[in-house]
Amino acid sequence: MADMARTHDPDGGPQDPIRLLAIRDTPLSVDEVFCAVGADVAGGTALFVGTVRDHDGRPEQVSGLSYSAHPSAEAELRRVAEKVAADFPVAAMAAVHRVGDLAVGDLAVVVAVSCPHRAEAFTACRRLIDDLKREVPIWKHQTFEDGAEEWVGA
């Protein structure tokens, strides 16, 4: 069923639904990710934006964080995206994760999926972000206002 949503390249062959995957040390763009998943067959597009929040279950507020990624992170991101594309009728998808030092309010991750129908887009987008967070080797080092530090996902 997933192949029904595939768009075609100018030569008439199926186009890869994975339009943009990246791990970057520069600020992320919601517009870039959203534009990457445009497709004529898509009736629904779901977008998720993860931002750095000022708390994480401690009394002290988060003052900043740093993401680091294993050298295999982009390959693992592709594997995760390919699995989602195989399991859902994905017309197009994109995922970009930030590494390096981030401040509260900065964009940490942006993912988007377009599908023929909204329910499929929502479900596929949720699966993409959940699997990315669970399976792609990216780690978060948080610092708190009181000087405490902690690693998350390591």
Protein backbone atom coordinates (compact mmCIF):
# COMPACT_ATOMS: atom_id res chain seq x y z
CA MET A 1 0.00 0.00 0.00
CA ALA A 2 2.86 2.42 0.72
CA ASP A 3 3.84 2.53 -2.96
CA MET A 4 0.51 4.13 -3.89
CA ALA A 5 1.68 7.47 -2.46
CA ARG A 6 5.00 7.60 -4.26
CA THR A 7 5.58 10.49 -6.58
CA HIS A 8 7.62 10.10 -9.76
CA ASP A 9 10.79 11.74 -10.95
CA PRO A 10 10.94 13.48 -14.37
CA ASP A 11 12.03 10.22 -16.02
CA GLY A 12 8.86 8.48 -14.85
CA GLY A 13 10.44 6.29 -12.16
CA PRO A 14 9.40 6.36 -8.51
CA GLN A 15 10.94 9.17 -6.49
CA ASP A 16 12.53 8.50 -3.12
CA PRO A 17 10.05 9.78 -0.52
CA ILE A 18 12.94 10.69 1.79
CA ARG A 19 13.61 14.23 0.65
CA LEU A 20 15.79 15.64 3.43
CA LEU A 21 17.74 14.00 6.25
CA ALA A 22 20.48 15.80 8.13
CA ILE A 23 22.32 16.25 11.39
CA ARG A 24 23.50 19.86 11.54
CA ASP A 25 25.43 22.20 13.79
CA THR A 26 23.59 25.24 12.40
CA PRO A 27 20.11 26.58 13.23
CA LEU A 28 17.20 24.59 11.80
CA SER A 29 14.45 25.90 9.52
CA VAL A 30 10.82 24.81 9.83
CA ASP A 31 10.19 26.27 6.36
CA GLU A 32 12.97 24.18 4.78
CA VAL A 33 11.58 20.95 6.24
CA PHE A 34 7.97 21.81 5.39
CA CYS A 35 8.86 22.72 1.79
CA ALA A 36 10.83 19.49 1.40
CA VAL A 37 7.72 17.35 1.92
CA GLY A 38 5.42 19.01 -0.61
CA ALA A 39 3.83 16.46 -2.96
CA ASP A 40 0.83 16.63 -5.29
CA VAL A 41 -0.53 13.32 -3.97
CA ALA A 42 -0.41 14.48 -0.35
CA GLY A 43 -3.69 15.44 1.28
CA GLY A 44 -2.09 15.73 4.72
CA THR A 45 1.20 16.95 6.07
CA ALA A 46 2.21 16.54 9.71
CA LEU A 47 5.09 18.52 11.16
CA PHE A 48 6.79 18.19 14.54
CA VAL A 49 9.16 20.77 15.99
CA GLY A 50 11.15 19.94 19.10
CA THR A 51 12.51 22.90 21.07
CA VAL A 52 14.84 23.24 24.03
CA ARG A 53 12.68 23.71 27.13
CA ASP A 54 13.64 25.40 30.38
CA HIS A 55 12.90 22.39 32.61
CA ASP A 56 13.38 18.64 32.73
CA GLY A 57 12.00 17.16 35.92
CA ARG A 58 14.37 18.93 38.32
CA PRO A 59 13.65 21.89 40.60
CA GLU A 60 16.39 23.90 38.86
CA GLN A 61 15.76 25.28 35.40
CA VAL A 62 17.71 24.16 32.35
CA SER A 63 20.14 26.88 31.31
CA GLY A 64 21.30 25.23 28.08
CA LEU A 65 22.25 21.99 26.48
CA SER A 66 24.51 20.43 23.94
CA TYR A 67 23.68 17.61 21.54
CA SER A 68 26.33 15.27 20.23
CA ALA A 69 25.95 12.53 17.65
CA HIS A 70 27.79 9.31 16.88
CA PRO A 71 29.38 9.24 13.38
CA SER A 72 26.73 6.65 12.40
CA ALA A 73 23.82 8.95 13.33
CA GLU A 74 22.92 10.03 9.78
CA ALA A 75 23.00 6.43 8.53
CA GLU A 76 20.78 5.40 11.45
CA LEU A 77 18.44 8.30 10.71
CA ARG A 78 18.15 7.05 7.12
CA ARG A 79 17.42 3.51 8.34
CA VAL A 80 14.66 4.80 10.63
CA ALA A 81 13.18 6.95 7.84
CA GLU A 82 13.26 4.06 5.35
CA LYS A 83 11.37 1.84 7.80
CA VAL A 84 8.67 4.48 8.30
CA ALA A 85 8.42 5.00 4.53
CA ALA A 86 8.04 1.23 4.06
CA ASP A 87 5.30 0.95 6.69
CA PHE A 88 3.15 3.93 5.65
CA PRO A 89 1.98 5.45 2.35
CA VAL A 90 4.52 8.26 2.60
CA ALA A 91 4.61 10.75 -0.25
CA ALA A 92 7.54 12.65 1.24
CA MET A 93 9.41 12.97 4.51
CA ALA A 94 12.16 15.04 6.05
CA ALA A 95 14.02 15.07 9.37
CA VAL A 96 16.75 17.38 10.61
CA HIS A 97 18.37 17.25 14.06
CA ARG A 98 20.67 19.86 15.56
CA VAL A 99 23.95 19.15 17.33
CA GLY A 100 26.18 21.50 19.30
CA ASP A 101 25.30 24.07 21.94
CA LEU A 102 21.67 25.19 22.09
CA ALA A 103 19.84 27.70 24.27
CA VAL A 104 16.34 27.51 25.70
CA GLY A 105 13.90 28.10 22.83
CA ASP A 106 16.23 26.88 20.06
CA LEU A 107 14.96 24.27 17.61
CA ALA A 108 16.49 20.87 18.33
CA VAL A 109 14.66 18.72 15.76
CA VAL A 110 12.19 19.24 12.92
CA VAL A 111 10.44 16.34 11.16
CA ALA A 112 7.63 16.30 8.64
CA VAL A 113 5.72 13.66 6.70
CA SER A 114 3.18 14.04 3.92
CA CYS A 115 0.75 11.28 2.98
CA PRO A 116 -2.46 10.98 0.95
CA HIS A 117 -4.57 11.36 4.12
CA ARG A 118 -4.12 13.24 7.41
CA ALA A 119 -4.43 10.22 9.72
CA GLU A 120 -1.55 8.49 7.92
CA ALA A 121 0.54 11.66 8.04
CA PHE A 122 0.00 12.09 11.79
CA THR A 123 0.79 8.45 12.54
CA ALA A 124 3.86 8.32 10.30
CA CYS A 125 5.21 11.61 11.68
CA ARG A 126 4.79 10.43 15.26
CA ARG A 127 6.52 7.16 14.44
CA LEU A 128 9.37 9.03 12.73
CA ILE A 129 10.09 11.29 15.71
CA ASP A 130 9.61 8.51 18.27
CA ASP A 131 11.93 6.12 16.42
CA LEU A 132 14.47 8.88 15.81
CA LYS A 133 14.61 9.69 19.54
CA ARG A 134 14.78 6.00 20.51
CA GLU A 135 17.16 4.62 17.85
CA VAL A 136 19.40 7.34 16.41
CA PRO A 137 22.60 7.79 18.50
CA ILE A 138 22.22 11.43 19.49
CA TRP A 139 22.87 12.40 23.10
CA LYS A 140 21.86 15.42 25.13
CA HIS A 141 24.04 17.03 27.79
CA GLN A 142 21.98 19.42 29.91
CA THR A 143 23.23 22.12 32.22
CA PHE A 144 21.10 23.63 34.97
CA GLU A 145 21.05 27.06 36.54
CA ASP A 146 22.61 25.69 39.76
CA GLY A 147 25.61 24.37 37.77
CA ALA A 148 24.50 20.73 37.81
CA GLU A 149 24.82 18.69 34.60
CA GLU A 150 23.30 15.49 33.25
CA TRP A 151 23.49 13.33 30.15
CA VAL A 152 20.20 12.16 28.62
CA GLY A 153 20.00 9.25 26.19
CA ALA A 154 23.63 8.24 26.75
